[in-house]
Amino acid sequence: MHATFFFSVTCCLVFGSFIFAYVPDFQLRDWAQREAFLELRRREHLGLPPIDKNLIDPEKIVLPTDEELGDTEIII
């Protein structure tokens, strides 16, 4: 009884610690920071401001007309 409990707790602690230590970045924090750094460096290299209010060029955005929307409810 004591040996079973000892080995089960030991295995849980050892394997649990191993899994916790080597689990990948599941929330992608590291990826987001690397991507932001690369984007800032690219924008600095091109002489652009670090943050632009128009992330996407407004000329490229195609909005539907009122006739295409019809009775569609628009929630803002």
PDB file of N, CA and C in Angstrom:
ATOM      1  N   MET A   1       0.822  -1.183   0.000  1.00  0.00           N
ATOM      2  CA  MET A   1       0.000   0.000   0.000  1.00  0.00           C
ATOM      3  C   MET A   1       0.874   1.257   0.000  1.00  0.00           C
ATOM      4  N   HIS A   2       1.831   1.314   0.907  1.00  0.00           N
ATOM      5  CA  HIS A   2       2.693   2.492   0.982  1.00  0.00           C
ATOM      6  C   HIS A   2       3.589   2.594  -0.250  1.00  0.00           C
ATOM      7  N   ALA A   3       4.057   1.455  -0.728  1.00  0.00           N
ATOM      8  CA  ALA A   3       4.920   1.467  -1.911  1.00  0.00           C
ATOM      9  C   ALA A   3       4.138   1.930  -3.139  1.00  0.00           C
ATOM     10  N   THR A   4       2.907   1.474  -3.266  1.00  0.00           N
ATOM     11  CA  THR A   4       2.078   1.885  -4.403  1.00  0.00           C
ATOM     12  C   THR A   4       1.837   3.390  -4.374  1.00  0.00           C
ATOM     13  N   PHE A   5       1.479   3.898  -3.227  1.00  0.00           N
ATOM     14  CA  PHE A   5       1.253   5.333  -3.082  1.00  0.00           C
ATOM     15  C   PHE A   5       2.542   6.115  -3.360  1.00  0.00           C
ATOM     16  N   PHE A   6       3.645   5.652  -2.828  1.00  0.00           N
ATOM     17  CA  PHE A   6       4.932   6.326  -3.032  1.00  0.00           C
ATOM     18  C   PHE A   6       5.287   6.384  -4.515  1.00  0.00           C
ATOM     19  N   PHE A   7       5.172   5.247  -5.219  1.00  0.00           N
ATOM     20  CA  PHE A   7       5.539   5.219  -6.635  1.00  0.00           C
ATOM     21  C   PHE A   7       4.555   6.011  -7.494  1.00  0.00           C
ATOM     22  N   SER A   8       3.275   5.984  -7.154  1.00  0.00           N
ATOM     23  CA  SER A   8       2.310   6.749  -7.953  1.00  0.00           C
ATOM     24  C   SER A   8       2.534   8.251  -7.778  1.00  0.00           C
ATOM     25  N   VAL A   9       2.777   8.688  -6.554  1.00  0.00           N
ATOM     26  CA  VAL A   9       3.043  10.114  -6.330  1.00  0.00           C
ATOM     27  C   VAL A   9       4.362  10.512  -6.985  1.00  0.00           C
ATOM     28  N   THR A  10       5.373   9.671  -6.863  1.00  0.00           N
ATOM     29  CA  THR A  10       6.669   9.966  -7.475  1.00  0.00           C
ATOM     30  C   THR A  10       6.543  10.054  -8.992  1.00  0.00           C
ATOM     31  N   CYS A  11       5.841   9.100  -9.589  1.00  0.00           N
ATOM     32  CA  CYS A  11       5.661   9.126 -11.047  1.00  0.00           C
ATOM     33  C   CYS A  11       4.893  10.372 -11.482  1.00  0.00           C
ATOM     34  N   CYS A  12       3.855  10.718 -10.742  1.00  0.00           N
ATOM     35  CA  CYS A  12       3.089  11.918 -11.091  1.00  0.00           C
ATOM     36  C   CYS A  12       3.957  13.167 -11.004  1.00  0.00           C
ATOM     37  N   LEU A  13       4.744  13.275  -9.962  1.00  0.00           N
ATOM     38  CA  LEU A  13       5.594  14.455  -9.818  1.00  0.00           C
ATOM     39  C   LEU A  13       6.678  14.509 -10.891  1.00  0.00           C
ATOM     40  N   VAL A  14       7.315  13.382 -11.153  1.00  0.00           N
ATOM     41  CA  VAL A  14       8.406  13.357 -12.132  1.00  0.00           C
ATOM     42  C   VAL A  14       7.872  13.597 -13.537  1.00  0.00           C
ATOM     43  N   PHE A  15       6.862  12.820 -13.941  1.00  0.00           N
ATOM     44  CA  PHE A  15       6.335  12.972 -15.301  1.00  0.00           C
ATOM     45  C   PHE A  15       5.568  14.281 -15.459  1.00  0.00           C
ATOM     46  N   GLY A  16       4.882  14.710 -14.407  1.00  0.00           N
ATOM     47  CA  GLY A  16       4.187  15.995 -14.468  1.00  0.00           C
ATOM     48  C   GLY A  16       5.157  17.150 -14.636  1.00  0.00           C
ATOM     49  N   SER A  17       6.257  17.112 -13.899  1.00  0.00           N
ATOM     50  CA  SER A  17       7.276  18.156 -14.038  1.00  0.00           C
ATOM     51  C   SER A  17       7.910  18.123 -15.420  1.00  0.00           C
ATOM     52  N   PHE A  18       8.155  16.932 -15.936  1.00  0.00           N
ATOM     53  CA  PHE A  18       8.743  16.785 -17.268  1.00  0.00           C
ATOM     54  C   PHE A  18       7.814  17.366 -18.331  1.00  0.00           C
ATOM     55  N   ILE A  19       6.540  17.028 -18.262  1.00  0.00           N
ATOM     56  CA  ILE A  19       5.579  17.530 -19.252  1.00  0.00           C
ATOM     57  C   ILE A  19       5.442  19.044 -19.136  1.00  0.00           C
ATOM     58  N   PHE A  20       5.360  19.554 -17.908  1.00  0.00           N
ATOM     59  CA  PHE A  20       5.224  20.997 -17.710  1.00  0.00           C
ATOM     60  C   PHE A  20       6.450  21.748 -18.232  1.00  0.00           C
ATOM     61  N   ALA A  21       7.622  21.180 -18.057  1.00  0.00           N
ATOM     62  CA  ALA A  21       8.849  21.851 -18.487  1.00  0.00           C
ATOM     63  C   ALA A  21       8.997  21.863 -20.007  1.00  0.00           C
ATOM     64  N   TYR A  22       8.517  20.829 -20.675  1.00  0.00           N
ATOM     65  CA  TYR A  22       8.730  20.711 -22.115  1.00  0.00           C
ATOM     66  C   TYR A  22       7.479  20.940 -22.941  1.00  0.00           C
ATOM     67  N   VAL A  23       6.412  21.424 -22.328  1.00  0.00           N
ATOM     68  CA  VAL A  23       5.200  21.701 -23.095  1.00  0.00           C
ATOM     69  C   VAL A  23       5.460  22.917 -23.997  1.00  0.00           C
ATOM     70  N   PRO A  24       4.960  22.899 -25.219  1.00  0.00           N
ATOM     71  CA  PRO A  24       5.180  24.048 -26.094  1.00  0.00           C
ATOM     72  C   PRO A  24       4.384  25.263 -25.612  1.00  0.00           C
ATOM     73  N   ASP A  25       4.675  26.393 -26.199  1.00  0.00           N
ATOM     74  CA  ASP A  25       4.014  27.644 -25.839  1.00  0.00           C
ATOM     75  C   ASP A  25       2.588  27.608 -26.387  1.00  0.00           C
ATOM     76  N   PHE A  26       1.651  27.084 -25.595  1.00  0.00           N
ATOM     77  CA  PHE A  26       0.303  26.865 -26.102  1.00  0.00           C
ATOM     78  C   PHE A  26      -0.492  28.154 -26.253  1.00  0.00           C
ATOM     79  N   GLN A  27      -0.109  29.231 -25.609  1.00  0.00           N
ATOM     80  CA  GLN A  27      -0.802  30.508 -25.788  1.00  0.00           C
ATOM     81  C   GLN A  27      -0.122  31.379 -26.841  1.00  0.00           C
ATOM     82  N   LEU A  28       0.937  30.887 -27.438  1.00  0.00           N
ATOM     83  CA  LEU A  28       1.654  31.551 -28.531  1.00  0.00           C
ATOM     84  C   LEU A  28       2.171  32.937 -28.139  1.00  0.00           C
ATOM     85  N   ARG A  29       2.558  33.123 -26.892  1.00  0.00           N
ATOM     86  CA  ARG A  29       3.119  34.406 -26.457  1.00  0.00           C
ATOM     87  C   ARG A  29       4.464  34.663 -27.123  1.00  0.00           C
ATOM     88  N   ASP A  30       5.315  33.653 -27.154  1.00  0.00           N
ATOM     89  CA  ASP A  30       6.640  33.836 -27.757  1.00  0.00           C
ATOM     90  C   ASP A  30       6.514  34.171 -29.236  1.00  0.00           C
ATOM     91  N   TRP A  31       5.604  33.484 -29.938  1.00  0.00           N
ATOM     92  CA  TRP A  31       5.420  33.727 -31.360  1.00  0.00           C
ATOM     93  C   TRP A  31       4.942  35.156 -31.592  1.00  0.00           C
ATOM     94  N   ALA A  32       3.998  35.627 -30.788  1.00  0.00           N
ATOM     95  CA  ALA A  32       3.447  36.969 -30.968  1.00  0.00           C
ATOM     96  C   ALA A  32       4.520  38.034 -30.737  1.00  0.00           C
ATOM     97  N   GLN A  33       5.371  37.833 -29.739  1.00  0.00           N
ATOM     98  CA  GLN A  33       6.431  38.805 -29.475  1.00  0.00           C
ATOM     99  C   GLN A  33       7.452  38.821 -30.607  1.00  0.00           C
ATOM    100  N   ARG A  34       7.813  37.651 -31.122  1.00  0.00           N
ATOM    101  CA  ARG A  34       8.760  37.606 -32.249  1.00  0.00           C
ATOM    102  C   ARG A  34       8.162  38.273 -33.482  1.00  0.00           C
ATOM    103  N   GLU A  35       6.891  37.997 -33.751  1.00  0.00           N
ATOM    104  CA  GLU A  35       6.236  38.577 -34.919  1.00  0.00           C
ATOM    105  C   GLU A  35       6.141  40.098 -34.789  1.00  0.00           C
ATOM    106  N   ALA A  36       5.830  40.596 -33.596  1.00  0.00           N
ATOM    107  CA  ALA A  36       5.756  42.046 -33.379  1.00  0.00           C
ATOM    108  C   ALA A  36       7.126  42.688 -33.558  1.00  0.00           C
ATOM    109  N   PHE A  37       8.171  42.045 -33.056  1.00  0.00           N
ATOM    110  CA  PHE A  37       9.525  42.583 -33.217  1.00  0.00           C
ATOM    111  C   PHE A  37       9.898  42.657 -34.695  1.00  0.00           C
ATOM    112  N   LEU A  38       9.596  41.613 -35.454  1.00  0.00           N
ATOM    113  CA  LEU A  38       9.915  41.618 -36.884  1.00  0.00           C
ATOM    114  C   LEU A  38       9.134  42.701 -37.621  1.00  0.00           C
ATOM    115  N   GLU A  39       7.869  42.874 -37.264  1.00  0.00           N
ATOM    116  CA  GLU A  39       7.057  43.903 -37.918  1.00  0.00           C
ATOM    117  C   GLU A  39       7.566  45.305 -37.584  1.00  0.00           C
ATOM    118  N   LEU A  40       7.942  45.542 -36.331  1.00  0.00           N
ATOM    119  CA  LEU A  40       8.492  46.852 -35.964  1.00  0.00           C
ATOM    120  C   LEU A  40       9.804  47.125 -36.687  1.00  0.00           C
ATOM    121  N   ARG A  41      10.650  46.119 -36.778  1.00  0.00           N
ATOM    122  CA  ARG A  41      11.925  46.295 -37.480  1.00  0.00           C
ATOM    123  C   ARG A  41      11.691  46.576 -38.965  1.00  0.00           C
ATOM    124  N   ARG A  42      10.712  45.890 -39.564  1.00  0.00           N
ATOM    125  CA  ARG A  42      10.397  46.115 -40.977  1.00  0.00           C
ATOM    126  C   ARG A  42       9.890  47.539 -41.194  1.00  0.00           C
ATOM    127  N   ARG A  43       9.000  48.001 -40.297  1.00  0.00           N
ATOM    128  CA  ARG A  43       8.443  49.341 -40.441  1.00  0.00           C
ATOM    129  C   ARG A  43       9.511  50.415 -40.222  1.00  0.00           C
ATOM    130  N   GLU A  44      10.421  50.201 -39.275  1.00  0.00           N
ATOM    131  CA  GLU A  44      11.513  51.155 -39.058  1.00  0.00           C
ATOM    132  C   GLU A  44      12.429  51.210 -40.274  1.00  0.00           C
ATOM    133  N   HIS A  45      12.682  50.058 -40.868  1.00  0.00           N
ATOM    134  CA  HIS A  45      13.558  49.994 -42.046  1.00  0.00           C
ATOM    135  C   HIS A  45      12.947  50.760 -43.221  1.00  0.00           C
ATOM    136  N   LEU A  46      11.613  50.709 -43.355  1.00  0.00           N
ATOM    137  CA  LEU A  46      10.939  51.405 -44.448  1.00  0.00           C
ATOM    138  C   LEU A  46      10.641  52.865 -44.123  1.00  0.00           C
ATOM    139  N   GLY A  47      10.933  53.296 -42.887  1.00  0.00           N
ATOM    140  CA  GLY A  47      10.677  54.678 -42.501  1.00  0.00           C
ATOM    141  C   GLY A  47       9.220  54.953 -42.184  1.00  0.00           C
ATOM    142  N   LEU A  48       8.460  53.931 -41.873  1.00  0.00           N
ATOM    143  CA  LEU A  48       7.047  54.086 -41.541  1.00  0.00           C
ATOM    144  C   LEU A  48       6.885  54.281 -40.042  1.00  0.00           C
ATOM    145  N   PRO A  49       5.761  54.855 -39.604  1.00  0.00           N
ATOM    146  CA  PRO A  49       5.524  54.960 -38.160  1.00  0.00           C
ATOM    147  C   PRO A  49       5.309  53.568 -37.565  1.00  0.00           C
ATOM    148  N   PRO A  50       5.621  53.394 -36.282  1.00  0.00           N
ATOM    149  CA  PRO A  50       5.468  52.068 -35.669  1.00  0.00           C
ATOM    150  C   PRO A  50       4.034  51.543 -35.708  1.00  0.00           C
ATOM    151  N   ILE A  51       3.064  52.450 -35.542  1.00  0.00           N
ATOM    152  CA  ILE A  51       1.655  52.049 -35.564  1.00  0.00           C
ATOM    153  C   ILE A  51       0.936  52.931 -36.569  1.00  0.00           C
ATOM    154  N   ASP A  52       0.148  52.310 -37.440  1.00  0.00           N
ATOM    155  CA  ASP A  52      -0.604  53.039 -38.445  1.00  0.00           C
ATOM    156  C   ASP A  52      -2.087  52.784 -38.214  1.00  0.00           C
ATOM    157  N   LYS A  53      -2.908  53.836 -38.270  1.00  0.00           N
ATOM    158  CA  LYS A  53      -4.334  53.645 -38.017  1.00  0.00           C
ATOM    159  C   LYS A  53      -4.993  52.829 -39.128  1.00  0.00           C
ATOM    160  N   ASN A  54      -4.418  52.840 -40.313  1.00  0.00           N
ATOM    161  CA  ASN A  54      -4.941  52.044 -41.421  1.00  0.00           C
ATOM    162  C   ASN A  54      -4.054  50.821 -41.615  1.00  0.00           C
ATOM    163  N   LEU A  55      -4.352  49.771 -40.878  1.00  0.00           N
ATOM    164  CA  LEU A  55      -3.576  48.542 -41.018  1.00  0.00           C
ATOM    165  C   LEU A  55      -3.718  47.988 -42.433  1.00  0.00           C
ATOM    166  N   ILE A  56      -4.933  48.069 -42.955  1.00  0.00           N
ATOM    167  CA  ILE A  56      -5.212  47.655 -44.328  1.00  0.00           C
ATOM    168  C   ILE A  56      -5.568  48.913 -45.112  1.00  0.00           C
ATOM    169  N   ASP A  57      -5.054  49.018 -46.310  1.00  0.00           N
ATOM    170  CA  ASP A  57      -5.322  50.177 -47.153  1.00  0.00           C
ATOM    171  C   ASP A  57      -6.831  50.296 -47.381  1.00  0.00           C
ATOM    172  N   PRO A  58      -7.437  51.450 -47.049  1.00  0.00           N
ATOM    173  CA  PRO A  58      -8.891  51.600 -47.221  1.00  0.00           C
ATOM    174  C   PRO A  58      -9.349  51.427 -48.664  1.00  0.00           C
ATOM    175  N   GLU A  59      -8.468  51.659 -49.619  1.00  0.00           N
ATOM    176  CA  GLU A  59      -8.833  51.480 -51.026  1.00  0.00           C
ATOM    177  C   GLU A  59      -9.087  50.010 -51.368  1.00  0.00           C
ATOM    178  N   LYS A  60      -8.496  49.099 -50.604  1.00  0.00           N
ATOM    179  CA  LYS A  60      -8.642  47.668 -50.886  1.00  0.00           C
ATOM    180  C   LYS A  60      -9.891  47.060 -50.254  1.00  0.00           C
ATOM    181  N   ILE A  61     -10.552  47.799 -49.361  1.00  0.00           N
ATOM    182  CA  ILE A  61     -11.731  47.276 -48.670  1.00  0.00           C
ATOM    183  C   ILE A  61     -12.961  47.547 -49.525  1.00  0.00           C
ATOM    184  N   VAL A  62     -13.696  46.492 -49.834  1.00  0.00           N
ATOM    185  CA  VAL A  62     -14.914  46.615 -50.625  1.00  0.00           C
ATOM    186  C   VAL A  62     -16.099  46.364 -49.699  1.00  0.00           C
ATOM    187  N   LEU A  63     -16.915  47.389 -49.506  1.00  0.00           N
ATOM    188  CA  LEU A  63     -18.094  47.264 -48.661  1.00  0.00           C
ATOM    189  C   LEU A  63     -19.321  47.033 -49.532  1.00  0.00           C
ATOM    190  N   PRO A  64     -20.289  46.274 -49.035  1.00  0.00           N
ATOM    191  CA  PRO A  64     -21.501  46.047 -49.826  1.00  0.00           C
ATOM    192  C   PRO A  64     -22.369  47.306 -49.865  1.00  0.00           C
ATOM    193  N   THR A  65     -23.134  47.440 -50.940  1.00  0.00           N
ATOM    194  CA  THR A  65     -24.044  48.576 -51.060  1.00  0.00           C
ATOM    195  C   THR A  65     -25.287  48.313 -50.220  1.00  0.00           C
ATOM    196  N   ASP A  66     -26.119  49.344 -50.087  1.00  0.00           N
ATOM    197  CA  ASP A  66     -27.364  49.189 -49.330  1.00  0.00           C
ATOM    198  C   ASP A  66     -28.287  48.165 -49.989  1.00  0.00           C
ATOM    199  N   GLU A  67     -28.279  48.102 -51.313  1.00  0.00           N
ATOM    200  CA  GLU A  67     -29.126  47.137 -52.011  1.00  0.00           C
ATOM    201  C   GLU A  67     -28.663  45.706 -51.750  1.00  0.00           C
ATOM    202  N   GLU A  68     -27.348  45.502 -51.686  1.00  0.00           N
ATOM    203  CA  GLU A  68     -26.822  44.164 -51.406  1.00  0.00           C
ATOM    204  C   GLU A  68     -27.116  43.736 -49.975  1.00  0.00           C
ATOM    205  N   LEU A  69     -27.132  44.699 -49.056  1.00  0.00           N
ATOM    206  CA  LEU A  69     -27.427  44.371 -47.663  1.00  0.00           C
ATOM    207  C   LEU A  69     -28.890  44.013 -47.472  1.00  0.00           C
ATOM    208  N   GLY A  70     -29.779  44.724 -48.152  1.00  0.00           N
ATOM    209  CA  GLY A  70     -31.204  44.430 -48.040  1.00  0.00           C
ATOM    210  C   GLY A  70     -31.710  44.631 -46.624  1.00  0.00           C
ATOM    211  N   ASP A  71     -32.318  43.579 -46.055  1.00  0.00           N
ATOM    212  CA  ASP A  71     -32.903  43.649 -44.711  1.00  0.00           C
ATOM    213  C   ASP A  71     -31.940  43.185 -43.631  1.00  0.00           C
ATOM    214  N   THR A  72     -30.694  43.014 -43.957  1.00  0.00           N
ATOM    215  CA  THR A  72     -29.726  42.503 -42.986  1.00  0.00           C
ATOM    216  C   THR A  72     -29.559  43.490 -41.840  1.00  0.00           C
ATOM    217  N   GLU A  73     -29.681  42.978 -40.615  1.00  0.00           N
ATOM    218  CA  GLU A  73     -29.513  43.820 -39.441  1.00  0.00           C
ATOM    219  C   GLU A  73     -28.024  44.080 -39.220  1.00  0.00           C
ATOM    220  N   ILE A  74     -27.670  45.338 -39.036  1.00  0.00           N
ATOM    221  CA  ILE A  74     -26.275  45.716 -38.824  1.00  0.00           C
ATOM    222  C   ILE A  74     -26.098  46.049 -37.353  1.00  0.00           C
ATOM    223  N   ILE A  75     -25.245  45.298 -36.685  1.00  0.00           N
ATOM    224  CA  ILE A  75     -24.979  45.509 -35.268  1.00  0.00           C
ATOM    225  C   ILE A  75     -23.571  46.064 -35.135  1.00  0.00           C
ATOM    226  N   ILE A  76     -23.465  47.223 -34.544  1.00  0.00           N
ATOM    227  CA  ILE A  76     -22.150  47.849 -34.369  1.00  0.00           C
ATOM    228  C   ILE A  76     -21.757  47.774 -32.926  1.00  0.00           C
TER     229      ILE A  76
END
